[in-house]
N, C-alpha and C. Protein backbone atom coordinates (compact mmCIF):
# COMPACT_ATOMS: atom_id res chain seq x y z
N ILE A 1 -11.56 18.17 11.63
CA ILE A 1 -11.65 16.84 11.08
C ILE A 1 -12.89 16.24 11.62
N HIS A 2 -13.70 15.58 10.74
CA HIS A 2 -14.97 15.03 11.19
C HIS A 2 -14.83 13.51 11.08
N PHE A 3 -15.38 12.81 12.15
CA PHE A 3 -15.39 11.41 12.27
C PHE A 3 -16.73 10.84 12.24
N ARG A 4 -16.84 9.54 12.04
CA ARG A 4 -18.11 8.79 12.18
C ARG A 4 -18.55 8.79 13.71
N LYS A 5 -19.77 8.38 13.94
CA LYS A 5 -20.21 8.29 15.28
C LYS A 5 -19.49 7.26 16.11
N THR A 6 -19.24 7.56 17.35
CA THR A 6 -18.42 6.66 18.25
C THR A 6 -18.75 7.02 19.73
N ASN A 7 -18.23 6.15 20.54
CA ASN A 7 -18.38 6.44 22.00
C ASN A 7 -17.30 7.48 22.41
N TRP A 8 -17.46 8.03 23.61
CA TRP A 8 -16.60 9.03 24.05
C TRP A 8 -15.15 8.70 24.15
N GLU A 9 -14.85 7.53 24.78
CA GLU A 9 -13.42 7.09 24.90
C GLU A 9 -12.84 6.93 23.52
N ASP A 10 -13.44 6.38 22.62
CA ASP A 10 -12.85 6.18 21.33
C ASP A 10 -12.75 7.55 20.54
N ALA A 11 -13.68 8.51 20.85
CA ALA A 11 -13.62 9.72 20.23
C ALA A 11 -12.36 10.52 20.70
N MET A 12 -12.06 10.41 22.00
CA MET A 12 -10.86 11.03 22.65
C MET A 12 -9.66 10.36 22.05
N LYS A 13 -9.53 9.08 21.85
CA LYS A 13 -8.45 8.41 21.25
C LYS A 13 -8.23 8.80 19.74
N ALA A 14 -9.33 8.76 19.04
CA ALA A 14 -9.22 9.14 17.55
C ALA A 14 -8.67 10.59 17.38
N CYS A 15 -9.07 11.46 18.18
CA CYS A 15 -8.51 12.90 18.05
C CYS A 15 -7.08 12.80 18.45
N ALA A 16 -6.66 12.19 19.47
CA ALA A 16 -5.25 12.18 19.94
C ALA A 16 -4.40 11.45 18.87
N ASP A 17 -4.95 10.44 18.27
CA ASP A 17 -4.24 9.70 17.29
C ASP A 17 -3.92 10.53 15.99
N LEU A 18 -4.53 11.65 15.81
CA LEU A 18 -4.28 12.53 14.69
C LEU A 18 -2.90 13.24 14.85
N GLY A 19 -2.42 13.24 16.03
CA GLY A 19 -1.13 13.86 16.20
C GLY A 19 -1.09 15.08 17.05
N ASP A 20 -0.02 15.89 16.95
CA ASP A 20 0.28 16.95 17.78
C ASP A 20 -0.87 17.95 17.92
N GLY A 21 -1.38 18.12 19.07
CA GLY A 21 -2.40 19.16 19.30
C GLY A 21 -3.86 18.83 18.96
N TRP A 22 -4.14 17.76 18.38
CA TRP A 22 -5.55 17.41 17.96
C TRP A 22 -6.23 16.83 19.26
N ARG A 23 -7.55 17.28 19.40
CA ARG A 23 -8.26 16.97 20.53
C ARG A 23 -9.81 17.13 20.24
N LEU A 24 -10.66 16.63 21.23
CA LEU A 24 -12.08 17.02 21.23
C LEU A 24 -12.16 18.43 21.65
N PRO A 25 -13.14 19.12 21.15
CA PRO A 25 -13.39 20.51 21.56
C PRO A 25 -13.97 20.58 23.02
N THR A 26 -13.76 21.70 23.70
CA THR A 26 -14.45 21.94 25.00
C THR A 26 -15.89 22.22 24.83
N ARG A 27 -16.70 22.38 25.85
CA ARG A 27 -18.06 22.73 25.75
C ARG A 27 -18.19 24.05 25.10
N LEU A 28 -17.37 25.09 25.55
CA LEU A 28 -17.44 26.39 25.05
C LEU A 28 -17.10 26.40 23.50
N GLU A 29 -16.07 25.68 23.13
CA GLU A 29 -15.62 25.65 21.77
C GLU A 29 -16.78 25.06 20.89
N LEU A 30 -17.52 24.11 21.38
CA LEU A 30 -18.61 23.46 20.68
C LEU A 30 -19.74 24.51 20.56
N LEU A 31 -19.99 25.29 21.56
CA LEU A 31 -21.09 26.27 21.46
C LEU A 31 -20.68 27.32 20.49
N ILE A 32 -19.48 27.74 20.42
CA ILE A 32 -18.99 28.74 19.41
C ILE A 32 -19.19 28.08 18.01
N MET A 33 -18.83 26.80 17.84
CA MET A 33 -18.94 26.23 16.57
C MET A 33 -20.38 26.08 16.28
N TYR A 34 -21.26 25.79 17.13
CA TYR A 34 -22.70 25.70 16.83
C TYR A 34 -23.16 27.15 16.35
N ASP A 35 -22.84 28.11 17.09
CA ASP A 35 -23.23 29.52 16.75
C ASP A 35 -22.68 30.00 15.41
N ASN A 36 -21.62 29.27 14.86
CA ASN A 36 -21.01 29.58 13.59
C ASN A 36 -21.10 28.53 12.68
N LYS A 37 -21.97 27.56 12.86
CA LYS A 37 -21.98 26.31 12.03
C LYS A 37 -22.24 26.54 10.54
N ASP A 38 -22.96 27.63 10.15
CA ASP A 38 -23.17 27.92 8.75
C ASP A 38 -21.90 28.40 8.06
N GLU A 39 -21.10 29.24 8.77
CA GLU A 39 -19.95 29.66 8.21
C GLU A 39 -18.84 28.62 8.20
N ILE A 40 -18.80 27.75 9.24
CA ILE A 40 -17.83 26.65 9.31
C ILE A 40 -18.16 25.49 8.31
N GLY A 41 -19.38 25.09 8.37
CA GLY A 41 -19.88 24.03 7.47
C GLY A 41 -19.45 22.65 7.93
N GLY A 42 -20.19 21.67 7.32
CA GLY A 42 -19.78 20.23 7.48
C GLY A 42 -20.36 19.64 8.72
N PHE A 43 -21.29 20.18 9.51
CA PHE A 43 -21.88 19.57 10.63
C PHE A 43 -23.14 18.91 10.24
N ALA A 44 -23.35 17.76 10.88
CA ALA A 44 -24.71 17.08 10.83
C ALA A 44 -25.50 17.68 11.88
N LYS A 45 -26.82 17.57 11.68
CA LYS A 45 -27.76 18.13 12.70
C LYS A 45 -27.99 17.14 13.74
N PHE A 46 -26.95 16.71 14.33
CA PHE A 46 -27.00 15.74 15.38
C PHE A 46 -26.03 16.15 16.58
N ILE A 47 -25.80 15.16 17.44
CA ILE A 47 -24.98 15.45 18.74
C ILE A 47 -23.58 15.21 18.53
N TYR A 48 -22.67 16.14 19.12
CA TYR A 48 -21.18 15.99 19.02
C TYR A 48 -20.59 15.93 20.40
N TRP A 49 -19.61 15.10 20.65
CA TRP A 49 -18.95 14.93 21.94
C TRP A 49 -18.09 16.16 22.17
N SER A 50 -18.03 16.55 23.46
CA SER A 50 -16.97 17.53 23.96
C SER A 50 -16.00 16.75 24.74
N SER A 51 -14.93 17.46 25.07
CA SER A 51 -13.84 16.79 25.82
C SER A 51 -14.09 16.78 27.32
N MET A 52 -15.17 17.41 27.81
CA MET A 52 -15.38 17.69 29.14
C MET A 52 -16.41 16.61 29.77
N GLU A 53 -15.87 15.96 30.75
CA GLU A 53 -16.68 14.96 31.43
C GLU A 53 -17.70 15.62 32.37
N TYR A 54 -18.79 15.07 32.57
CA TYR A 54 -19.86 15.57 33.41
C TYR A 54 -19.81 15.03 34.87
N GLY A 55 -19.52 13.72 34.87
CA GLY A 55 -19.46 13.01 36.08
C GLY A 55 -18.91 11.58 35.73
N ASN A 56 -19.12 10.71 36.65
CA ASN A 56 -18.60 9.38 36.49
C ASN A 56 -19.37 8.75 35.33
N GLY A 57 -18.68 8.46 34.27
CA GLY A 57 -19.26 7.74 33.11
C GLY A 57 -20.06 8.59 32.17
N SER A 58 -20.08 9.95 32.24
CA SER A 58 -20.82 10.79 31.28
C SER A 58 -20.02 12.05 30.84
N ALA A 59 -20.30 12.55 29.74
CA ALA A 59 -19.59 13.67 29.19
C ALA A 59 -20.56 14.68 28.58
N TRP A 60 -20.24 15.91 28.40
CA TRP A 60 -21.02 16.96 27.88
C TRP A 60 -21.03 16.75 26.39
N VAL A 61 -22.19 17.04 25.71
CA VAL A 61 -22.35 17.11 24.34
C VAL A 61 -23.04 18.37 23.84
N GLN A 62 -22.96 18.62 22.49
CA GLN A 62 -23.50 19.77 21.94
C GLN A 62 -24.52 19.23 20.80
N ASP A 63 -25.80 19.62 20.94
CA ASP A 63 -26.72 19.26 19.92
C ASP A 63 -26.72 20.32 18.74
N PHE A 64 -26.41 19.83 17.54
CA PHE A 64 -26.33 20.74 16.46
C PHE A 64 -27.61 20.87 15.73
N PHE A 65 -28.67 20.32 16.29
CA PHE A 65 -30.04 20.56 15.78
C PHE A 65 -30.73 21.76 16.48
N ASN A 66 -30.66 21.73 17.77
CA ASN A 66 -31.36 22.74 18.60
C ASN A 66 -30.47 23.54 19.41
N GLY A 67 -29.22 23.35 19.51
CA GLY A 67 -28.26 24.21 20.29
C GLY A 67 -28.04 23.89 21.71
N GLY A 68 -28.75 22.91 22.19
CA GLY A 68 -28.67 22.49 23.59
C GLY A 68 -27.44 21.76 23.92
N GLN A 69 -27.00 21.82 25.15
CA GLN A 69 -25.87 21.10 25.68
C GLN A 69 -26.43 20.19 26.84
N TYR A 70 -26.02 18.90 26.76
CA TYR A 70 -26.50 17.85 27.64
C TYR A 70 -25.29 16.96 28.14
N ASP A 71 -25.61 16.15 29.11
CA ASP A 71 -24.72 15.10 29.50
C ASP A 71 -25.22 13.86 29.00
N PHE A 72 -24.35 13.03 28.48
CA PHE A 72 -24.81 11.64 27.95
C PHE A 72 -23.71 10.59 28.53
N GLY A 73 -24.16 9.40 28.70
CA GLY A 73 -23.35 8.32 29.08
C GLY A 73 -22.24 8.21 27.98
N GLU A 74 -21.00 7.96 28.46
CA GLU A 74 -19.85 7.88 27.54
C GLU A 74 -19.89 6.60 26.60
N ASN A 75 -20.85 5.76 26.91
CA ASN A 75 -20.97 4.52 25.99
C ASN A 75 -21.93 4.77 24.81
N PHE A 76 -22.61 5.95 24.82
CA PHE A 76 -23.40 6.31 23.71
C PHE A 76 -22.55 6.67 22.47
N PHE A 77 -23.19 6.59 21.24
CA PHE A 77 -22.47 7.03 20.08
C PHE A 77 -22.97 8.25 19.52
N HIS A 78 -22.01 9.17 19.40
CA HIS A 78 -22.30 10.54 18.93
C HIS A 78 -21.17 10.98 17.87
N TYR A 79 -21.36 12.02 17.26
CA TYR A 79 -20.39 12.49 16.25
C TYR A 79 -19.22 13.04 16.94
N VAL A 80 -18.20 13.21 16.13
CA VAL A 80 -16.89 13.75 16.63
C VAL A 80 -16.34 14.84 15.61
N ARG A 81 -15.88 15.97 16.09
CA ARG A 81 -15.31 16.95 15.33
C ARG A 81 -13.99 17.37 16.04
N ALA A 82 -12.74 16.94 15.47
CA ALA A 82 -11.63 17.21 16.17
C ALA A 82 -11.22 18.65 15.88
N VAL A 83 -10.49 19.27 16.94
CA VAL A 83 -9.94 20.58 16.78
C VAL A 83 -8.42 20.56 17.20
N ARG A 84 -7.78 21.70 16.74
CA ARG A 84 -6.40 21.83 17.17
C ARG A 84 -6.23 23.26 17.50
N ASP A 85 -5.35 23.49 18.50
CA ASP A 85 -4.98 24.87 18.80
C ASP A 85 -4.08 25.50 17.75
N ILE A 86 -4.24 26.74 17.53
CA ILE A 86 -3.52 27.44 16.51
C ILE A 86 -2.16 27.85 17.16
N LYS A 87 -1.06 27.49 16.68
CA LYS A 87 0.24 27.90 17.12
C LYS A 87 0.78 29.11 16.41
N LYS A 88 1.25 29.99 17.29
CA LYS A 88 1.79 31.19 16.59
C LYS A 88 3.30 31.19 16.48
């Protein structure tokens, strides 16, 4: 599920509000999504939030333009792609 740009805290809440199991992806999950973006589809060539905090007041992001991962202040506005674990 893809959301509009938002800050990190609101991104975390929006994913959780989707219900059981929905969340922001981890850094590794975002990297896998980036590596497979053409097959998955629907990504903007901009920055997406991960669920992983970097330090006090910042979190890791994935750049879907150049593939880099960076830390950004949680008050910045970036894209959100919610994920959910597959239940067997």
